[in-house]
């Protein structure tokens, strides 16, 4: 029996949202983590990291996420009446 894989893809910032370097959400495909940056006051930032089975970079397409995340296997099993 296969386990469900949890993956994340954060969309790239839109032009009107500022520079990518100033992102509140930072992804790291190499460490399989997503970090949220939340300013607590003028001089400090609270960081919260979350780990996933796979993290896709902001430039990843929906097709890439679908093909590489294992969703195709899950959909096929559901359609075949997985036991």
N, C-alpha and C. Protein backbone atom coordinates (compact mmCIF):
# COMPACT_ATOMS: atom_id res chain seq x y z
N UNK A 1 0.84 -1.19 0.00
CA UNK A 1 0.00 0.00 0.00
C UNK A 1 0.89 1.25 0.00
N UNK A 2 0.57 2.16 -0.88
CA UNK A 2 1.34 3.39 -0.97
C UNK A 2 0.77 4.43 -0.02
N UNK A 3 1.64 5.27 0.47
CA UNK A 3 1.17 6.36 1.32
C UNK A 3 0.96 7.59 0.45
N UNK A 4 0.14 8.48 0.92
CA UNK A 4 -0.12 9.72 0.21
C UNK A 4 1.07 10.65 0.42
N UNK A 5 1.57 11.19 -0.65
CA UNK A 5 2.67 12.15 -0.58
C UNK A 5 2.10 13.55 -0.48
N UNK A 6 2.70 14.37 0.36
CA UNK A 6 2.27 15.76 0.51
C UNK A 6 3.29 16.65 -0.20
N UNK A 7 2.80 17.40 -1.17
CA UNK A 7 3.69 18.27 -1.94
C UNK A 7 3.20 19.71 -1.84
N UNK A 8 4.11 20.63 -2.14
CA UNK A 8 3.75 22.05 -2.09
C UNK A 8 4.32 22.77 -3.30
N UNK A 9 3.53 23.69 -3.80
CA UNK A 9 3.99 24.61 -4.85
C UNK A 9 3.41 25.97 -4.51
N UNK A 10 4.25 26.93 -4.31
CA UNK A 10 3.83 28.30 -4.04
C UNK A 10 3.98 29.07 -5.34
N UNK A 11 2.93 29.75 -5.73
CA UNK A 11 2.99 30.49 -6.99
C UNK A 11 3.99 31.63 -6.90
N UNK A 12 4.56 32.04 -8.03
CA UNK A 12 5.47 33.19 -8.02
C UNK A 12 4.70 34.46 -7.66
N UNK A 13 5.42 35.43 -7.13
CA UNK A 13 4.78 36.72 -6.83
C UNK A 13 4.37 37.40 -8.13
N UNK A 14 3.25 38.06 -8.08
CA UNK A 14 2.80 38.84 -9.22
C UNK A 14 3.58 40.15 -9.25
N UNK A 15 3.60 40.77 -10.39
CA UNK A 15 4.39 41.99 -10.57
C UNK A 15 4.05 43.07 -9.54
N UNK A 16 2.77 43.25 -9.24
CA UNK A 16 2.36 44.30 -8.31
C UNK A 16 2.61 43.93 -6.84
N UNK A 17 3.09 42.70 -6.58
CA UNK A 17 3.33 42.26 -5.20
C UNK A 17 4.77 42.50 -4.74
N UNK A 18 5.62 43.02 -5.59
CA UNK A 18 6.99 43.31 -5.20
C UNK A 18 7.97 42.28 -5.71
N UNK A 19 9.22 42.40 -5.24
CA UNK A 19 10.29 41.53 -5.69
C UNK A 19 10.18 40.15 -5.05
N UNK A 20 10.64 39.13 -5.76
CA UNK A 20 10.61 37.76 -5.25
C UNK A 20 11.47 37.62 -3.99
N UNK A 21 12.55 38.39 -3.90
CA UNK A 21 13.44 38.31 -2.74
C UNK A 21 12.75 38.75 -1.45
N UNK A 22 11.72 39.58 -1.57
CA UNK A 22 11.00 40.08 -0.41
C UNK A 22 9.82 39.18 -0.03
N UNK A 23 9.80 37.98 -0.54
CA UNK A 23 8.65 37.09 -0.36
C UNK A 23 8.42 36.74 1.10
N UNK A 24 7.15 36.64 1.45
CA UNK A 24 6.75 36.19 2.78
C UNK A 24 6.87 34.67 2.85
N UNK A 25 6.70 34.02 1.71
CA UNK A 25 6.82 32.57 1.63
C UNK A 25 8.05 32.25 0.80
N UNK A 26 8.95 31.44 1.37
CA UNK A 26 10.15 31.04 0.65
C UNK A 26 10.16 29.52 0.52
N UNK A 27 10.43 29.04 -0.69
CA UNK A 27 10.48 27.60 -0.90
C UNK A 27 11.92 27.14 -1.06
N UNK A 28 12.16 25.91 -0.65
CA UNK A 28 13.49 25.32 -0.82
C UNK A 28 13.31 23.89 -1.30
N UNK A 29 13.33 23.69 -2.62
CA UNK A 29 13.20 22.33 -3.14
C UNK A 29 14.30 21.39 -2.66
N UNK A 30 15.49 21.92 -2.35
CA UNK A 30 16.59 21.05 -1.91
C UNK A 30 16.39 20.53 -0.49
N UNK A 31 15.79 21.35 0.39
CA UNK A 31 15.56 20.90 1.77
C UNK A 31 14.12 20.43 1.99
N UNK A 32 13.32 20.45 0.91
CA UNK A 32 11.92 20.01 0.98
C UNK A 32 11.12 20.79 2.02
N UNK A 33 11.35 22.11 2.07
CA UNK A 33 10.65 22.90 3.06
C UNK A 33 10.09 24.19 2.47
N UNK A 34 9.10 24.72 3.19
CA UNK A 34 8.52 26.01 2.89
C UNK A 34 8.61 26.82 4.18
N UNK A 35 9.15 28.03 4.08
CA UNK A 35 9.31 28.88 5.26
C UNK A 35 8.44 30.12 5.12
N UNK A 36 7.69 30.41 6.16
CA UNK A 36 6.87 31.62 6.21
C UNK A 36 7.59 32.65 7.04
N UNK A 37 7.71 33.87 6.50
CA UNK A 37 8.31 34.99 7.22
C UNK A 37 7.21 35.92 7.66
N UNK A 38 7.17 36.20 8.95
CA UNK A 38 6.15 37.07 9.49
C UNK A 38 6.80 38.11 10.41
N UNK A 39 6.81 39.38 9.99
CA UNK A 39 7.40 40.41 10.85
C UNK A 39 6.61 40.53 12.16
N UNK A 40 7.33 40.52 13.28
CA UNK A 40 6.67 40.67 14.58
C UNK A 40 6.74 42.11 15.07
N UNK A 41 7.80 42.82 14.71
CA UNK A 41 7.92 44.25 14.98
C UNK A 41 8.96 44.80 14.01
N UNK A 42 9.42 46.01 14.23
CA UNK A 42 10.34 46.65 13.28
C UNK A 42 11.66 45.91 13.11
N UNK A 43 12.12 45.22 14.15
CA UNK A 43 13.46 44.64 14.11
C UNK A 43 13.52 43.12 14.10
N UNK A 44 12.40 42.44 14.12
CA UNK A 44 12.48 40.98 14.17
C UNK A 44 11.45 40.34 13.25
N UNK A 45 11.76 39.12 12.90
CA UNK A 45 10.90 38.36 11.99
C UNK A 45 10.73 36.96 12.57
N UNK A 46 9.50 36.50 12.59
CA UNK A 46 9.20 35.14 13.04
C UNK A 46 9.23 34.22 11.82
N UNK A 47 10.00 33.14 11.91
CA UNK A 47 10.08 32.18 10.82
C UNK A 47 9.41 30.88 11.23
N UNK A 48 8.59 30.35 10.35
CA UNK A 48 7.96 29.05 10.58
C UNK A 48 8.23 28.19 9.37
N UNK A 49 8.83 27.02 9.58
CA UNK A 49 9.18 26.13 8.49
C UNK A 49 8.27 24.91 8.50
N UNK A 50 7.91 24.46 7.32
CA UNK A 50 7.07 23.29 7.14
C UNK A 50 7.77 22.35 6.15
N UNK A 51 7.76 21.06 6.44
CA UNK A 51 8.41 20.07 5.59
C UNK A 51 7.38 19.30 4.78
N UNK A 52 7.78 18.94 3.57
CA UNK A 52 6.92 18.21 2.65
C UNK A 52 7.71 17.09 2.00
N UNK A 53 6.99 16.18 1.36
CA UNK A 53 7.65 15.11 0.61
C UNK A 53 8.31 15.65 -0.65
N UNK A 54 7.78 16.72 -1.16
CA UNK A 54 8.32 17.36 -2.36
C UNK A 54 7.91 18.82 -2.35
N UNK A 55 8.83 19.71 -2.69
CA UNK A 55 8.54 21.14 -2.81
C UNK A 55 8.92 21.56 -4.22
N UNK A 56 7.96 22.13 -4.93
CA UNK A 56 8.20 22.60 -6.28
C UNK A 56 8.53 24.08 -6.25
N UNK A 57 9.47 24.52 -7.08
CA UNK A 57 9.80 25.94 -7.12
C UNK A 57 8.64 26.74 -7.69
N UNK A 58 8.60 28.05 -7.42
CA UNK A 58 7.49 28.87 -7.91
C UNK A 58 7.28 28.80 -9.41
N UNK A 59 8.33 28.54 -10.17
CA UNK A 59 8.20 28.49 -11.61
C UNK A 59 7.68 27.17 -12.17
N UNK A 60 7.44 26.20 -11.30
CA UNK A 60 6.96 24.89 -11.77
C UNK A 60 5.55 25.02 -12.35
N UNK A 61 5.31 24.31 -13.42
CA UNK A 61 3.99 24.36 -14.05
C UNK A 61 3.04 23.38 -13.37
N UNK A 62 1.76 23.57 -13.60
CA UNK A 62 0.76 22.65 -13.06
C UNK A 62 0.99 21.25 -13.63
N UNK A 63 1.38 21.17 -14.90
CA UNK A 63 1.63 19.87 -15.52
C UNK A 63 2.79 19.15 -14.82
N UNK A 64 3.85 19.88 -14.50
CA UNK A 64 4.98 19.30 -13.79
C UNK A 64 4.56 18.78 -12.42
N UNK A 65 3.82 19.58 -11.69
CA UNK A 65 3.34 19.18 -10.37
C UNK A 65 2.49 17.92 -10.48
N UNK A 66 1.59 17.89 -11.43
CA UNK A 66 0.70 16.75 -11.62
C UNK A 66 1.49 15.49 -11.95
N UNK A 67 2.44 15.59 -12.87
CA UNK A 67 3.19 14.42 -13.30
C UNK A 67 4.18 13.91 -12.25
N UNK A 68 4.84 14.82 -11.54
CA UNK A 68 5.90 14.42 -10.63
C UNK A 68 5.47 14.21 -9.18
N UNK A 69 4.23 14.54 -8.85
CA UNK A 69 3.79 14.42 -7.46
C UNK A 69 3.13 13.08 -7.15
N UNK A 70 2.90 12.27 -8.17
CA UNK A 70 2.25 10.99 -7.93
C UNK A 70 0.74 11.05 -8.03
N UNK A 71 0.20 12.18 -8.40
CA UNK A 71 -1.25 12.33 -8.50
C UNK A 71 -1.81 11.42 -9.58
N UNK A 72 -1.05 11.22 -10.65
CA UNK A 72 -1.54 10.35 -11.73
C UNK A 72 -1.80 8.94 -11.22
N UNK A 73 -0.91 8.44 -10.37
CA UNK A 73 -1.09 7.10 -9.80
C UNK A 73 -2.34 7.05 -8.93
N UNK A 74 -2.53 8.06 -8.11
CA UNK A 74 -3.69 8.12 -7.23
C UNK A 74 -4.99 8.18 -8.02
N UNK A 75 -5.01 8.98 -9.07
CA UNK A 75 -6.20 9.09 -9.91
C UNK A 75 -6.46 7.77 -10.62
N UNK A 76 -5.42 7.15 -11.17
CA UNK A 76 -5.58 5.86 -11.84
C UNK A 76 -6.14 4.80 -10.89
N UNK A 77 -5.62 4.75 -9.66
CA UNK A 77 -6.10 3.78 -8.69
C UNK A 77 -7.55 4.02 -8.32
N UNK A 78 -7.92 5.28 -8.18
CA UNK A 78 -9.31 5.60 -7.84
C UNK A 78 -10.24 5.18 -8.98
N UNK A 79 -9.82 5.43 -10.21
CA UNK A 79 -10.64 5.06 -11.36
C UNK A 79 -10.71 3.56 -11.59
N UNK A 80 -9.66 2.84 -11.19
CA UNK A 80 -9.62 1.39 -11.34
C UNK A 80 -10.33 0.66 -10.20
N UNK A 81 -10.80 1.40 -9.19
CA UNK A 81 -11.43 0.76 -8.03
C UNK A 81 -10.39 0.15 -7.11
N UNK A 82 -9.41 0.93 -6.75
CA UNK A 82 -8.31 0.48 -5.90
C UNK A 82 -8.81 -0.27 -4.67
N UNK A 83 -8.21 -1.43 -4.39
CA UNK A 83 -8.64 -2.28 -3.27
C UNK A 83 -7.82 -2.01 -2.05
